Amino acid sequence: MPHYQRAGDVPAKRHTLARRGDGHLHEELVGAEGFSEESSLLYHLHSPSAIVALEAVPGSEHSRGCFRHDLPLEPRHLRSWLLEAQGDPVTGRHHLLANDDVEIAFSAADSPSPLYRSAVGDELVYVQSGTAVLRSSFGPLAIGPGDYVVVPAGVTHQWEPDGSLSTLVIQARGHIGIPAKYLTPRGQLGEGAPFTERDIRLPGPPDQHEDNDVPVLVRTAGGLTRMIHAHHPFDVVGWDGCLYPFALSIRDFEPIVGSLHQPPPVHQTFSGPGMAVCSFVPRPFDFHPEAVKIPYHHSNVDCDEILFYSAGDFMSRSGSGIRAGSLSYHPAGFVHGPQPGSLEASMNKARTEETAVMIDTFRPLMVSDAARAISDPDYPASWLGR
């Protein structure tokens, strides 16, 4: 998110001594791609590097043993409502699909998460239901249903739900951002983009916490480590830069429509390593007199497709068992499209009222044991119309 922001107290010049009473502030740079891309500077009351203790979290190693490729190849309907509500929005995640670029999980939780940061990549969280505050070194950020929340790698944060919170979690092994096609050469969202800077919500101003001996979970490729910080990571008095958590509501995505069916890339909202994330929102149907208003059958030759159905009437999937909270998984090599009867049902419709999140991955996904346990066994035959 390459737009400069500033909050709290920061020195007039970067990398200069910032005095505070009888002492000085401790400058921390959070940056991407080895100092060559976006970064922010945070100013702490205490050293953010002061660690009291380190320990591995038992059983936290990322085991590919629970993920396997499907053989035979199989389209799947994953029913998220069958997942047990457990723990908090970080440690209570049910991991469903994964490849070397991304891991997709679902969480239903009602308790605050531990302090947490990922050293693997950015995380994109879509809020299905509930409200919460995302607290981070940059300050608090209020979130609610329909919000996308981007948390950059290396940012210490904590989820504080106000009751039950259900989220779809996309854990990247790299950085998630706004697609380059929407940005001007100097980084502004252009006139043709489906959202603007006004739609993006930032955290802040920063809180100042003075707790001592504070545990933080750190995610790496090998698992979770618990670092005990001598001082609270949220002892920040100010920050500035172009790298920070932010939220964007799916309701602020302005759909692109046409007289004939528009391809999925017009709905793209985020890009990441080996993946694209798209938003399907209420919009007018195609308005050519002979338009086929539902999606055509298509083969995913280069990508696997995951669609999370958030809200509304999913007319093209009627009869398949798909409803709000469903995830469909259509792997490369499977020709998929509308359910029988969808074409006839769409003829007199003027608009669609569905809200959904699509994730296309450009490497094959593996399926977890948890995903298999919530997979509808009748789904592969749902196109027969019998």
Protein backbone atom coordinates (compact mmCIF):
# COMPACT_ATOMS: atom_id res chain seq x y z
CA MET A 1 0.00 0.00 0.00
CA PRO A 2 2.43 2.69 -1.24
CA HIS A 3 0.78 5.84 0.16
CA TYR A 4 2.60 7.85 2.79
CA GLN A 5 0.91 8.11 6.20
CA ARG A 6 1.96 9.60 9.51
CA ALA A 7 0.55 9.26 13.04
CA GLY A 8 1.70 10.37 16.50
CA ASP A 9 5.08 11.92 17.24
CA VAL A 10 7.94 11.36 14.80
CA PRO A 11 11.25 13.23 14.51
CA ALA A 12 11.78 15.85 11.82
CA LYS A 13 14.44 13.69 10.13
CA ARG A 14 14.74 9.94 9.69
CA HIS A 15 17.46 7.99 11.53
CA THR A 16 18.25 10.85 13.93
CA LEU A 17 18.37 10.79 17.71
CA ALA A 18 14.85 11.29 19.07
CA ARG A 19 15.10 12.36 22.70
CA ARG A 20 12.35 11.59 25.19
CA GLY A 21 12.76 12.94 28.73
CA ASP A 22 16.08 11.68 30.05
CA GLY A 23 16.32 9.00 27.37
CA HIS A 24 15.57 8.50 23.69
CA LEU A 25 13.15 6.68 21.42
CA HIS A 26 14.04 3.45 19.64
CA GLU A 27 13.52 3.50 15.88
CA GLU A 28 12.25 0.33 14.14
CA LEU A 29 12.02 -0.07 10.36
CA VAL A 30 9.39 -2.49 9.07
CA GLY A 31 10.15 -2.98 5.39
CA ALA A 32 9.60 -5.25 2.41
CA GLU A 33 12.00 -6.83 -0.07
CA GLY A 34 15.22 -6.10 1.78
CA PHE A 35 14.99 -2.30 2.09
CA SER A 36 14.08 -1.90 -1.60
CA GLU A 37 10.28 -1.53 -1.37
CA GLU A 38 7.72 0.06 0.97
CA SER A 39 8.59 0.54 4.63
CA SER A 40 7.50 2.36 7.77
CA LEU A 41 9.43 3.67 10.77
CA LEU A 42 8.03 3.15 14.27
CA TYR A 43 9.31 4.94 17.37
CA HIS A 44 9.29 2.84 20.56
CA LEU A 45 9.76 3.88 24.18
CA HIS A 46 11.90 0.76 24.68
CA SER A 47 14.04 -1.48 22.52
CA PRO A 48 11.78 -3.82 20.48
CA SER A 49 14.70 -6.29 20.33
CA ALA A 50 14.92 -6.91 24.09
CA ILE A 51 13.92 -10.58 24.52
CA VAL A 52 13.66 -12.27 27.91
CA ALA A 53 13.09 -15.84 26.70
CA LEU A 54 12.43 -17.95 23.60
CA GLU A 55 10.56 -21.23 23.29
CA ALA A 56 9.10 -23.39 20.55
CA VAL A 57 5.36 -23.96 20.74
CA PRO A 58 4.90 -27.77 20.93
CA GLY A 59 3.06 -29.32 18.02
CA SER A 60 3.08 -26.11 16.00
CA GLU A 61 5.29 -27.31 13.16
CA HIS A 62 3.60 -26.90 9.80
CA SER A 63 3.05 -30.50 8.80
CA ARG A 64 2.28 -31.26 5.16
CA GLY A 65 1.22 -34.68 6.38
CA CYS A 66 -2.36 -33.42 6.84
CA PHE A 67 -2.43 -32.01 3.25
CA ARG A 68 -2.69 -34.29 0.21
CA HIS A 69 -3.49 -33.88 -3.45
CA ASP A 70 -6.81 -35.38 -4.50
CA LEU A 71 -6.63 -38.58 -6.50
CA PRO A 72 -9.04 -38.96 -8.16
CA LEU A 73 -9.38 -35.26 -8.97
CA GLU A 74 -12.49 -33.98 -7.24
CA PRO A 75 -14.47 -30.71 -7.05
CA ARG A 76 -15.42 -30.02 -3.47
CA HIS A 77 -18.02 -28.13 -1.47
CA LEU A 78 -16.58 -27.28 1.94
CA ARG A 79 -19.21 -26.48 4.58
CA SER A 80 -17.60 -24.06 7.00
CA TRP A 81 -20.52 -24.21 9.45
CA LEU A 82 -19.48 -27.78 10.29
CA LEU A 83 -16.13 -26.58 11.63
CA GLU A 84 -15.92 -26.51 15.39
CA ALA A 85 -15.61 -23.06 16.93
CA GLN A 86 -12.34 -23.13 18.79
CA GLY A 87 -9.79 -20.91 20.48
CA ASP A 88 -9.02 -17.49 19.09
CA PRO A 89 -8.72 -15.98 15.59
CA VAL A 90 -5.04 -16.97 15.29
CA THR A 91 -4.46 -20.28 17.07
CA GLY A 92 -8.01 -21.50 16.35
CA ARG A 93 -7.69 -21.50 12.57
CA HIS A 94 -8.82 -24.55 10.61
CA HIS A 95 -6.34 -24.95 7.73
CA LEU A 96 -8.15 -26.20 4.63
CA LEU A 97 -6.11 -25.76 1.43
CA ALA A 98 -2.44 -25.03 0.79
CA ASN A 99 0.37 -24.89 -1.75
CA ASP A 100 3.83 -23.37 -1.72
CA ASP A 101 2.44 -19.83 -2.16
CA VAL A 102 -0.57 -19.64 0.10
CA GLU A 103 -2.55 -21.33 2.85
CA ILE A 104 -6.31 -20.86 3.21
CA ALA A 105 -7.98 -21.27 6.59
CA PHE A 106 -11.27 -20.54 8.34
CA SER A 107 -11.73 -19.42 11.91
CA ALA A 108 -14.73 -19.16 14.24
CA ALA A 109 -13.61 -17.75 17.59
CA ASP A 110 -14.78 -15.56 20.44
CA SER A 111 -11.68 -14.88 22.54
CA PRO A 112 -8.76 -12.48 22.02
CA SER A 113 -5.76 -13.83 20.17
CA PRO A 114 -2.26 -13.73 21.59
CA LEU A 115 0.09 -11.08 20.28
CA TYR A 116 1.22 -12.47 16.94
CA ARG A 117 3.29 -11.72 13.86
CA SER A 118 4.13 -13.68 10.75
CA ALA A 119 7.68 -13.92 9.43
CA VAL A 120 6.43 -15.91 6.42
CA GLY A 121 4.28 -13.35 4.60
CA ASP A 122 1.33 -11.00 4.63
CA GLU A 123 -2.09 -12.14 5.79
CA LEU A 124 -5.41 -11.16 4.21
CA VAL A 125 -8.41 -11.75 6.47
CA TYR A 126 -12.02 -11.49 5.26
CA VAL A 127 -14.55 -10.97 8.06
CA GLN A 128 -17.64 -13.09 7.47
CA SER A 129 -19.45 -12.18 10.69
CA GLY A 130 -18.84 -10.36 13.95
CA THR A 131 -16.91 -7.26 14.93
CA ALA A 132 -13.46 -6.83 16.42
CA VAL A 133 -10.56 -4.49 16.95
CA LEU A 134 -7.26 -5.31 15.32
CA ARG A 135 -4.61 -3.90 17.62
CA SER A 136 -1.06 -3.47 16.33
CA SER A 137 2.08 -1.43 16.78
CA PHE A 138 0.42 1.10 14.46
CA GLY A 139 -2.68 1.52 16.66
CA PRO A 140 -6.22 0.09 16.80
CA LEU A 141 -8.36 -0.61 13.73
CA ALA A 142 -12.09 -1.34 14.08
CA ILE A 143 -13.39 -4.01 11.70
CA GLY A 144 -16.73 -5.62 10.91
CA PRO A 145 -18.59 -7.92 8.50
CA GLY A 146 -17.46 -7.65 4.89
CA ASP A 147 -14.07 -6.14 5.72
CA TYR A 148 -10.86 -7.26 4.11
CA VAL A 149 -7.96 -6.70 6.51
CA VAL A 150 -4.36 -6.76 5.23
CA VAL A 151 -1.69 -7.34 7.90
CA PRO A 152 1.87 -7.04 6.53
CA ALA A 153 4.52 -9.56 7.50
CA GLY A 154 6.51 -8.55 10.55
CA VAL A 155 3.73 -6.46 12.11
CA THR A 156 2.92 -7.50 15.69
CA HIS A 157 -0.85 -7.52 16.15
CA GLN A 158 -3.72 -8.92 18.20
CA TRP A 159 -7.34 -9.69 17.34
CA GLU A 160 -9.92 -8.64 19.97
CA PRO A 161 -13.39 -9.95 18.98
CA ASP A 162 -16.55 -8.43 20.38
CA GLY A 163 -18.29 -11.78 20.76
CA SER A 164 -18.12 -14.39 18.00
CA LEU A 165 -15.92 -13.64 14.97
CA SER A 166 -15.85 -15.75 11.78
CA THR A 167 -13.08 -15.12 9.26
CA LEU A 168 -11.63 -16.48 6.04
CA VAL A 169 -7.83 -16.28 6.32
CA ILE A 170 -5.39 -16.14 3.40
CA GLN A 171 -1.81 -16.65 4.62
CA ALA A 172 0.63 -15.71 1.86
CA ARG A 173 4.27 -16.65 1.52
CA GLY A 174 5.10 -13.18 0.29
CA HIS A 175 3.32 -9.85 -0.01
CA ILE A 176 -0.31 -9.05 -0.77
CA GLY A 177 -1.15 -5.77 -2.46
CA ILE A 178 -3.39 -3.84 -4.80
CA PRO A 179 -3.09 -5.05 -8.41
CA ALA A 180 -0.66 -2.97 -10.49
CA LYS A 181 -3.29 -2.54 -13.21
CA TYR A 182 -5.24 -0.22 -10.90
CA LEU A 183 -2.29 2.01 -10.01
CA THR A 184 -0.78 4.97 -11.83
CA PRO A 185 3.00 4.87 -12.46
CA ARG A 186 3.49 6.86 -9.23
CA GLY A 187 1.21 4.62 -7.14
CA GLN A 188 -2.15 6.43 -6.97
CA LEU A 189 -5.31 4.43 -7.52
CA GLY A 190 -6.42 5.47 -11.00
CA GLU A 191 -9.80 6.65 -12.25
CA GLY A 192 -10.65 3.19 -13.60
CA ALA A 193 -9.98 1.40 -10.31
CA PRO A 194 -12.98 -0.21 -8.56
CA PHE A 195 -12.09 1.48 -5.23
CA THR A 196 -10.09 4.52 -4.13
CA GLU A 197 -7.91 5.69 -1.27
CA ARG A 198 -11.05 7.10 0.40
CA ASP A 199 -12.31 3.54 0.88
CA ILE A 200 -9.20 2.37 2.73
CA ARG A 201 -9.22 2.58 6.53
CA LEU A 202 -6.03 2.89 8.58
CA PRO A 203 -5.16 2.14 12.21
CA GLY A 204 -4.24 4.75 14.75
CA PRO A 205 -3.33 6.78 16.53
CA PRO A 206 -0.90 4.37 18.23
CA ASP A 207 -1.59 3.13 21.75
CA GLN A 208 1.15 3.11 24.37
CA HIS A 209 1.40 -0.02 26.51
CA GLU A 210 3.87 -0.32 29.36
CA ASP A 211 3.58 -4.04 30.25
CA ASN A 212 6.74 -6.07 30.87
CA ASP A 213 7.60 -9.70 29.95
CA VAL A 214 5.06 -9.87 27.11
CA PRO A 215 4.72 -13.09 25.03
CA VAL A 216 4.45 -12.83 21.23
CA LEU A 217 3.80 -15.75 18.86
CA VAL A 218 6.01 -15.61 15.77
CA ARG A 219 5.09 -17.73 12.75
CA THR A 220 7.93 -19.08 10.61
CA ALA A 221 8.13 -21.77 7.96
CA GLY A 222 9.02 -24.25 10.71
CA GLY A 223 6.16 -23.47 13.10
CA LEU A 224 5.48 -21.10 15.98
CA THR A 225 7.99 -19.61 18.40
CA ARG A 226 6.97 -17.80 21.57
CA MET A 227 9.19 -14.77 22.19
CA ILE A 228 8.96 -13.10 25.58
CA HIS A 229 9.60 -9.39 25.01
CA ALA A 230 10.99 -7.39 27.89
CA HIS A 231 8.57 -4.58 26.97
CA HIS A 232 5.22 -4.44 25.21
CA PRO A 233 5.62 -4.14 21.41
CA PHE A 234 2.82 -1.53 21.39
CA ASP A 235 4.91 1.10 23.22
CA VAL A 236 4.94 3.19 20.02
CA VAL A 237 4.57 6.97 20.21
CA GLY A 238 4.49 7.58 16.47
CA TRP A 239 5.12 6.14 13.03
CA ASP A 240 5.28 7.14 9.40
CA GLY A 241 5.74 5.42 6.05
CA CYS A 242 3.98 3.39 3.39
CA LEU A 243 3.66 -0.05 5.02
CA TYR A 244 0.89 -0.64 7.57
CA PRO A 245 -2.24 -2.71 8.24
CA PHE A 246 -5.39 -1.49 6.53
CA ALA A 247 -9.02 -2.46 5.96
CA LEU A 248 -11.24 -2.30 2.87
CA SER A 249 -14.92 -3.22 2.92
CA ILE A 250 -16.14 -5.47 0.12
CA ARG A 251 -19.18 -3.15 0.04
CA ASP A 252 -16.92 -0.37 -1.22
CA PHE A 253 -15.85 -2.40 -4.26
CA GLU A 254 -17.48 -0.84 -7.34
CA PRO A 255 -18.30 -3.60 -9.83
CA ILE A 256 -17.51 -3.35 -13.53
CA VAL A 257 -20.43 -4.48 -15.70
CA GLY A 258 -21.10 -4.80 -19.43
CA SER A 259 -23.77 -5.72 -21.94
CA LEU A 260 -22.22 -9.21 -22.06
CA HIS A 261 -20.62 -11.31 -19.35
CA GLN A 262 -17.38 -9.84 -18.00
CA PRO A 263 -14.50 -12.21 -17.14
CA PRO A 264 -13.39 -12.71 -13.51
CA PRO A 265 -10.29 -10.42 -13.74
CA VAL A 266 -12.59 -7.35 -13.69
CA HIS A 267 -13.46 -8.34 -10.12
CA GLN A 268 -9.86 -8.58 -8.90
CA THR A 269 -9.24 -6.78 -5.60
CA PHE A 270 -5.84 -8.02 -4.38
CA SER A 271 -2.83 -9.77 -5.84
CA GLY A 272 -0.26 -11.93 -4.12
CA PRO A 273 2.42 -14.50 -4.87
CA GLY A 274 0.88 -17.08 -7.17
CA MET A 275 -2.69 -15.91 -6.55
CA ALA A 276 -5.41 -13.37 -7.28
CA VAL A 277 -8.30 -12.40 -4.96
CA CYS A 278 -11.57 -11.17 -6.48
CA SER A 279 -14.77 -9.66 -5.04
CA PHE A 280 -18.22 -10.48 -6.38
CA VAL A 281 -20.78 -7.94 -5.15
CA PRO A 282 -24.39 -6.98 -5.93
CA ARG A 283 -24.52 -5.53 -9.45
CA PRO A 284 -26.71 -5.23 -12.56
CA PHE A 285 -26.79 -8.28 -14.77
CA ASP A 286 -25.50 -8.15 -18.37
CA PHE A 287 -27.95 -6.05 -20.41
CA HIS A 288 -27.58 -7.23 -24.01
CA PRO A 289 -31.02 -8.50 -25.17
CA GLU A 290 -29.61 -11.97 -25.79
CA ALA A 291 -27.10 -11.99 -22.91
CA VAL A 292 -26.53 -15.19 -20.96
CA LYS A 293 -26.46 -13.68 -17.50
CA ILE A 294 -24.90 -16.55 -15.60
CA PRO A 295 -21.23 -17.61 -15.85
CA TYR A 296 -20.38 -19.91 -18.73
CA HIS A 297 -18.79 -23.32 -18.19
CA HIS A 298 -15.05 -22.93 -18.00
CA SER A 299 -11.92 -24.99 -17.55
CA ASN A 300 -9.29 -23.81 -15.10
CA VAL A 301 -6.21 -24.73 -17.09
CA ASP A 302 -3.68 -22.68 -15.13
CA CYS A 303 -5.30 -22.26 -11.72
CA ASP A 304 -7.34 -23.79 -8.96
CA GLU A 305 -10.43 -21.78 -7.98
CA ILE A 306 -11.84 -21.28 -4.48
CA LEU A 307 -15.05 -19.32 -4.02
CA PHE A 308 -16.26 -18.31 -0.57
CA TYR A 309 -19.96 -17.50 -0.57
CA SER A 310 -20.52 -14.72 1.95
CA ALA A 311 -24.09 -13.49 1.51
CA GLY A 312 -27.04 -13.23 -0.87
CA ASP A 313 -28.73 -15.41 -3.46
CA PHE A 314 -26.32 -17.62 -5.40
CA MET A 315 -28.67 -18.25 -8.32
CA SER A 316 -26.17 -19.98 -10.59
CA ARG A 317 -25.45 -22.53 -7.83
CA SER A 318 -29.08 -23.33 -6.93
CA GLY A 319 -29.56 -27.02 -6.18
CA SER A 320 -25.90 -27.69 -5.40
CA GLY A 321 -26.18 -27.19 -1.64
CA ILE A 322 -24.11 -23.99 -1.82
CA ARG A 323 -25.17 -21.30 0.67
CA ALA A 324 -23.66 -18.53 2.77
CA GLY A 325 -20.57 -19.93 4.48
CA SER A 326 -19.80 -22.43 1.70
CA LEU A 327 -16.43 -22.73 0.00
CA SER A 328 -16.33 -24.34 -3.44
CA TYR A 329 -13.02 -25.79 -4.61
CA HIS A 330 -12.73 -26.40 -8.36
CA PRO A 331 -9.27 -27.72 -9.23
CA ALA A 332 -7.49 -27.27 -12.55
CA GLY A 333 -8.65 -29.94 -14.96
CA PHE A 334 -12.31 -29.81 -13.88
CA VAL A 335 -14.82 -28.08 -16.20
CA HIS A 336 -17.30 -26.23 -14.02
CA GLY A 337 -20.15 -23.81 -14.47
CA PRO A 338 -23.76 -23.07 -13.54
CA GLN A 339 -26.07 -25.68 -12.08
CA PRO A 340 -28.91 -27.15 -14.17
CA GLY A 341 -31.85 -24.73 -14.41
CA SER A 342 -29.77 -21.64 -13.66
CA LEU A 343 -29.98 -20.28 -17.20
CA GLU A 344 -33.76 -20.42 -17.23
CA ALA A 345 -33.99 -18.85 -13.76
CA SER A 346 -31.79 -15.91 -14.80
CA MET A 347 -33.66 -14.83 -17.93
CA ASN A 348 -35.94 -12.28 -16.25
CA LYS A 349 -33.50 -11.14 -13.58
CA ALA A 350 -32.12 -7.60 -13.71
CA ARG A 351 -29.37 -7.92 -11.11
CA THR A 352 -27.53 -10.28 -8.81
CA GLU A 353 -27.49 -9.84 -5.04
CA GLU A 354 -24.61 -12.18 -4.20
CA THR A 355 -21.47 -11.34 -2.22
CA ALA A 356 -18.52 -13.71 -2.58
CA VAL A 357 -14.72 -13.84 -2.39
CA MET A 358 -12.78 -15.75 -5.04
CA ILE A 359 -9.19 -16.95 -4.74
CA ASP A 360 -7.42 -18.22 -7.86
CA THR A 361 -4.10 -19.95 -7.23
CA PHE A 362 -1.58 -20.66 -9.98
CA ARG A 363 -0.10 -23.75 -8.38
CA PRO A 364 -2.13 -26.83 -7.45
CA LEU A 365 -3.62 -26.84 -3.98
CA MET A 366 -3.49 -29.69 -1.52
CA VAL A 367 -6.50 -30.55 0.63
CA SER A 368 -6.29 -30.99 4.40
CA ASP A 369 -7.90 -33.68 6.50
CA ALA A 370 -10.07 -30.96 8.07
CA ALA A 371 -11.32 -29.93 4.63
CA ARG A 372 -12.12 -33.53 3.69
CA ALA A 373 -14.15 -33.89 6.88
CA ILE A 374 -16.49 -31.03 5.90
CA SER A 375 -16.68 -31.87 2.18
CA ASP A 376 -20.15 -32.65 0.79
CA PRO A 377 -19.89 -36.13 -0.78
CA ASP A 378 -22.81 -35.39 -3.17
CA TYR A 379 -21.28 -32.24 -4.66
CA PRO A 380 -19.41 -33.80 -7.64
CA ALA A 381 -22.74 -35.11 -8.99
CA SER A 382 -24.64 -31.85 -8.48
CA TRP A 383 -24.45 -30.89 -12.18
CA LEU A 384 -26.39 -33.97 -13.31
CA GLY A 385 -29.75 -32.35 -12.60
CA ARG A 386 -31.37 -35.59 -11.54
